Amino acid sequence: MASSYNKTVLIGRVGQKPQRNDNGIVEFTLCNNTIGIDGKEKVMWHRIVSKNRQGELCEQYLDKGDLCCIEGRIDSKER
């Protein structure tokens, strides 16, 4: 059993219509707000990557500006 767990829930607005890339993966952006350490509101942009059936559903039903809830994991890559 794993000693840690990576789960995230994001609620926000779709920034662009989800699009399928050459590998069959669906990608889009999601925007939401948070309160920073200084107490000021901050806009956060998230890159959402989905595949298989979830990707198909995102591509079929989501459009720019739609409010949606995303549940998944954070996967950051060094660049």
N, C-alpha and C. Protein backbone atom coordinates (compact mmCIF):
# COMPACT_ATOMS: atom_id res chain seq x y z
N MET A 1 0.84 -1.18 0.00
CA MET A 1 0.00 0.00 0.00
C MET A 1 0.89 1.25 0.00
N ALA A 2 0.47 2.24 -0.74
CA ALA A 2 1.25 3.48 -0.85
C ALA A 2 1.21 4.26 0.46
N SER A 3 2.30 4.94 0.75
CA SER A 3 2.37 5.72 1.98
C SER A 3 1.82 7.13 1.80
N SER A 4 1.48 7.50 0.56
CA SER A 4 0.90 8.82 0.32
C SER A 4 -0.14 8.70 -0.80
N TYR A 5 -0.93 9.76 -0.96
CA TYR A 5 -2.02 9.74 -1.93
C TYR A 5 -2.09 11.09 -2.61
N ASN A 6 -2.25 11.10 -3.93
CA ASN A 6 -2.28 12.32 -4.72
C ASN A 6 -3.68 12.47 -5.31
N LYS A 7 -4.51 13.34 -4.72
CA LYS A 7 -5.86 13.57 -5.21
C LYS A 7 -6.14 15.07 -5.16
N THR A 8 -6.74 15.58 -6.24
CA THR A 8 -7.04 17.00 -6.33
C THR A 8 -8.44 17.17 -6.90
N VAL A 9 -9.16 18.17 -6.39
CA VAL A 9 -10.46 18.55 -6.93
C VAL A 9 -10.37 20.02 -7.32
N LEU A 10 -10.67 20.33 -8.59
CA LEU A 10 -10.67 21.70 -9.09
C LEU A 10 -12.05 22.05 -9.60
N ILE A 11 -12.54 23.23 -9.26
CA ILE A 11 -13.80 23.73 -9.79
C ILE A 11 -13.49 25.06 -10.44
N GLY A 12 -13.86 25.20 -11.70
CA GLY A 12 -13.57 26.44 -12.41
C GLY A 12 -14.22 26.48 -13.76
N ARG A 13 -13.79 27.44 -14.56
CA ARG A 13 -14.34 27.64 -15.90
C ARG A 13 -13.36 27.12 -16.95
N VAL A 14 -13.92 26.48 -17.97
CA VAL A 14 -13.11 25.96 -19.07
C VAL A 14 -12.57 27.13 -19.86
N GLY A 15 -11.26 27.16 -20.11
CA GLY A 15 -10.63 28.27 -20.81
C GLY A 15 -10.66 28.15 -22.32
N GLN A 16 -10.75 26.93 -22.82
CA GLN A 16 -10.80 26.71 -24.27
C GLN A 16 -11.50 25.38 -24.52
N LYS A 17 -12.08 25.24 -25.69
CA LYS A 17 -12.75 23.99 -26.04
C LYS A 17 -11.74 22.85 -25.99
N PRO A 18 -12.05 21.75 -25.30
CA PRO A 18 -11.14 20.61 -25.25
C PRO A 18 -10.82 20.10 -26.66
N GLN A 19 -9.55 19.79 -26.87
CA GLN A 19 -9.10 19.32 -28.19
C GLN A 19 -8.26 18.07 -28.03
N ARG A 20 -8.45 17.16 -28.97
CA ARG A 20 -7.70 15.90 -28.99
C ARG A 20 -6.41 16.10 -29.77
N ASN A 21 -5.29 15.63 -29.22
CA ASN A 21 -4.01 15.74 -29.93
C ASN A 21 -3.75 14.47 -30.75
N ASP A 22 -2.60 14.39 -31.39
CA ASP A 22 -2.26 13.26 -32.26
C ASP A 22 -2.19 11.93 -31.51
N ASN A 23 -1.95 11.98 -30.21
CA ASN A 23 -1.85 10.75 -29.40
C ASN A 23 -3.20 10.31 -28.84
N GLY A 24 -4.28 11.02 -29.17
CA GLY A 24 -5.61 10.68 -28.67
C GLY A 24 -5.90 11.22 -27.28
N ILE A 25 -5.03 12.09 -26.78
CA ILE A 25 -5.22 12.68 -25.46
C ILE A 25 -5.95 14.01 -25.61
N VAL A 26 -6.93 14.25 -24.76
CA VAL A 26 -7.72 15.48 -24.80
C VAL A 26 -7.13 16.47 -23.80
N GLU A 27 -6.92 17.70 -24.24
CA GLU A 27 -6.34 18.74 -23.39
C GLU A 27 -7.18 20.00 -23.43
N PHE A 28 -7.24 20.71 -22.29
CA PHE A 28 -7.86 22.02 -22.22
C PHE A 28 -7.37 22.72 -20.96
N THR A 29 -7.73 23.98 -20.81
CA THR A 29 -7.33 24.73 -19.62
C THR A 29 -8.56 24.99 -18.75
N LEU A 30 -8.30 25.17 -17.46
CA LEU A 30 -9.33 25.47 -16.48
C LEU A 30 -8.85 26.64 -15.64
N CYS A 31 -9.71 27.60 -15.41
CA CYS A 31 -9.37 28.80 -14.65
C CYS A 31 -10.19 28.84 -13.36
N ASN A 32 -9.54 29.14 -12.25
CA ASN A 32 -10.26 29.39 -11.00
C ASN A 32 -9.52 30.44 -10.19
N ASN A 33 -10.12 30.86 -9.10
CA ASN A 33 -9.54 31.89 -8.24
C ASN A 33 -9.17 31.30 -6.89
N THR A 34 -8.19 31.91 -6.27
CA THR A 34 -7.79 31.51 -4.93
C THR A 34 -7.34 32.77 -4.19
N ILE A 35 -7.24 32.67 -2.90
CA ILE A 35 -6.75 33.79 -2.09
C ILE A 35 -5.29 33.50 -1.76
N GLY A 36 -4.40 34.41 -2.16
CA GLY A 36 -2.98 34.24 -1.93
C GLY A 36 -2.59 34.49 -0.48
N ILE A 37 -1.33 34.28 -0.17
CA ILE A 37 -0.81 34.49 1.18
C ILE A 37 -1.00 35.94 1.62
N ASP A 38 -0.92 36.86 0.66
CA ASP A 38 -1.08 38.29 0.98
C ASP A 38 -2.54 38.71 1.13
N GLY A 39 -3.49 37.76 1.00
CA GLY A 39 -4.91 38.05 1.16
C GLY A 39 -5.59 38.56 -0.10
N LYS A 40 -4.86 38.66 -1.19
CA LYS A 40 -5.43 39.15 -2.45
C LYS A 40 -5.88 37.97 -3.31
N GLU A 41 -6.95 38.22 -4.08
CA GLU A 41 -7.46 37.20 -4.99
C GLU A 41 -6.47 36.97 -6.13
N LYS A 42 -6.27 35.73 -6.49
CA LYS A 42 -5.30 35.37 -7.51
C LYS A 42 -5.96 34.42 -8.51
N VAL A 43 -5.76 34.66 -9.79
CA VAL A 43 -6.30 33.80 -10.84
C VAL A 43 -5.31 32.68 -11.11
N MET A 44 -5.80 31.46 -11.14
CA MET A 44 -4.96 30.29 -11.39
C MET A 44 -5.42 29.61 -12.68
N TRP A 45 -4.47 29.25 -13.54
CA TRP A 45 -4.76 28.50 -14.76
C TRP A 45 -4.18 27.10 -14.61
N HIS A 46 -4.96 26.11 -14.98
CA HIS A 46 -4.54 24.71 -14.87
C HIS A 46 -4.66 24.05 -16.24
N ARG A 47 -3.66 23.28 -16.61
CA ARG A 47 -3.70 22.50 -17.85
C ARG A 47 -4.26 21.13 -17.50
N ILE A 48 -5.38 20.79 -18.12
CA ILE A 48 -6.06 19.52 -17.85
C ILE A 48 -5.77 18.55 -18.99
N VAL A 49 -5.37 17.35 -18.64
CA VAL A 49 -5.09 16.30 -19.61
C VAL A 49 -5.97 15.11 -19.26
N SER A 50 -6.71 14.63 -20.27
CA SER A 50 -7.63 13.52 -20.03
C SER A 50 -7.53 12.54 -21.20
N LYS A 51 -7.79 11.27 -20.93
CA LYS A 51 -7.72 10.28 -22.00
C LYS A 51 -8.83 9.25 -21.83
N ASN A 52 -8.89 8.35 -22.77
CA ASN A 52 -9.89 7.28 -22.78
C ASN A 52 -11.31 7.85 -22.73
N ARG A 53 -12.18 7.23 -21.99
CA ARG A 53 -13.60 7.63 -21.96
C ARG A 53 -13.78 9.03 -21.37
N GLN A 54 -13.04 9.38 -20.32
CA GLN A 54 -13.16 10.72 -19.75
C GLN A 54 -12.80 11.79 -20.77
N GLY A 55 -11.76 11.54 -21.55
CA GLY A 55 -11.37 12.47 -22.59
C GLY A 55 -12.46 12.65 -23.63
N GLU A 56 -13.08 11.53 -24.03
CA GLU A 56 -14.18 11.60 -25.00
C GLU A 56 -15.33 12.45 -24.47
N LEU A 57 -15.67 12.26 -23.19
CA LEU A 57 -16.77 13.01 -22.60
C LEU A 57 -16.44 14.50 -22.50
N CYS A 58 -15.20 14.82 -22.12
CA CYS A 58 -14.79 16.23 -22.06
C CYS A 58 -14.90 16.87 -23.43
N GLU A 59 -14.39 16.17 -24.44
CA GLU A 59 -14.40 16.69 -25.80
C GLU A 59 -15.83 16.89 -26.31
N GLN A 60 -16.72 15.98 -25.95
CA GLN A 60 -18.09 16.02 -26.44
C GLN A 60 -18.95 17.06 -25.72
N TYR A 61 -18.79 17.23 -24.41
CA TYR A 61 -19.74 18.03 -23.65
C TYR A 61 -19.21 19.39 -23.15
N LEU A 62 -17.91 19.58 -23.04
CA LEU A 62 -17.40 20.84 -22.50
C LEU A 62 -17.12 21.85 -23.59
N ASP A 63 -17.34 23.11 -23.26
CA ASP A 63 -17.06 24.21 -24.18
C ASP A 63 -16.46 25.36 -23.37
N LYS A 64 -15.85 26.29 -24.06
CA LYS A 64 -15.24 27.44 -23.40
C LYS A 64 -16.26 28.16 -22.52
N GLY A 65 -15.86 28.45 -21.27
CA GLY A 65 -16.72 29.17 -20.34
C GLY A 65 -17.58 28.30 -19.45
N ASP A 66 -17.69 27.01 -19.76
CA ASP A 66 -18.49 26.11 -18.93
C ASP A 66 -17.87 25.95 -17.55
N LEU A 67 -18.74 25.90 -16.54
CA LEU A 67 -18.30 25.60 -15.18
C LEU A 67 -18.19 24.09 -15.04
N CYS A 68 -17.07 23.61 -14.54
CA CYS A 68 -16.93 22.17 -14.37
C CYS A 68 -16.09 21.85 -13.14
N CYS A 69 -16.24 20.62 -12.70
CA CYS A 69 -15.49 20.10 -11.56
C CYS A 69 -14.60 18.98 -12.07
N ILE A 70 -13.32 19.07 -11.78
CA ILE A 70 -12.35 18.07 -12.21
C ILE A 70 -11.79 17.38 -10.97
N GLU A 71 -11.82 16.07 -10.98
CA GLU A 71 -11.21 15.30 -9.90
C GLU A 71 -10.11 14.44 -10.51
N GLY A 72 -8.93 14.52 -9.96
CA GLY A 72 -7.82 13.75 -10.50
C GLY A 72 -6.59 13.90 -9.64
N ARG A 73 -5.44 13.82 -10.29
CA ARG A 73 -4.17 13.95 -9.56
C ARG A 73 -3.31 15.01 -10.21
N ILE A 74 -2.42 15.58 -9.44
CA ILE A 74 -1.47 16.55 -9.97
C ILE A 74 -0.23 15.78 -10.41
N ASP A 75 0.18 16.03 -11.65
CA ASP A 75 1.36 15.40 -12.20
C ASP A 75 2.23 16.52 -12.76
N SER A 76 3.24 16.94 -12.02
CA SER A 76 4.11 18.01 -12.49
C SER A 76 5.37 17.40 -13.08
N LYS A 77 5.81 18.02 -14.17
CA LYS A 77 7.00 17.54 -14.85
C LYS A 77 8.04 18.64 -14.85
N GLU A 78 9.28 18.26 -14.60
CA GLU A 78 10.39 19.22 -14.67
C GLU A 78 10.59 19.60 -16.11
N ARG A 79 10.79 20.90 -16.38
CA ARG A 79 11.01 21.36 -17.75
C ARG A 79 12.33 22.02 -17.87
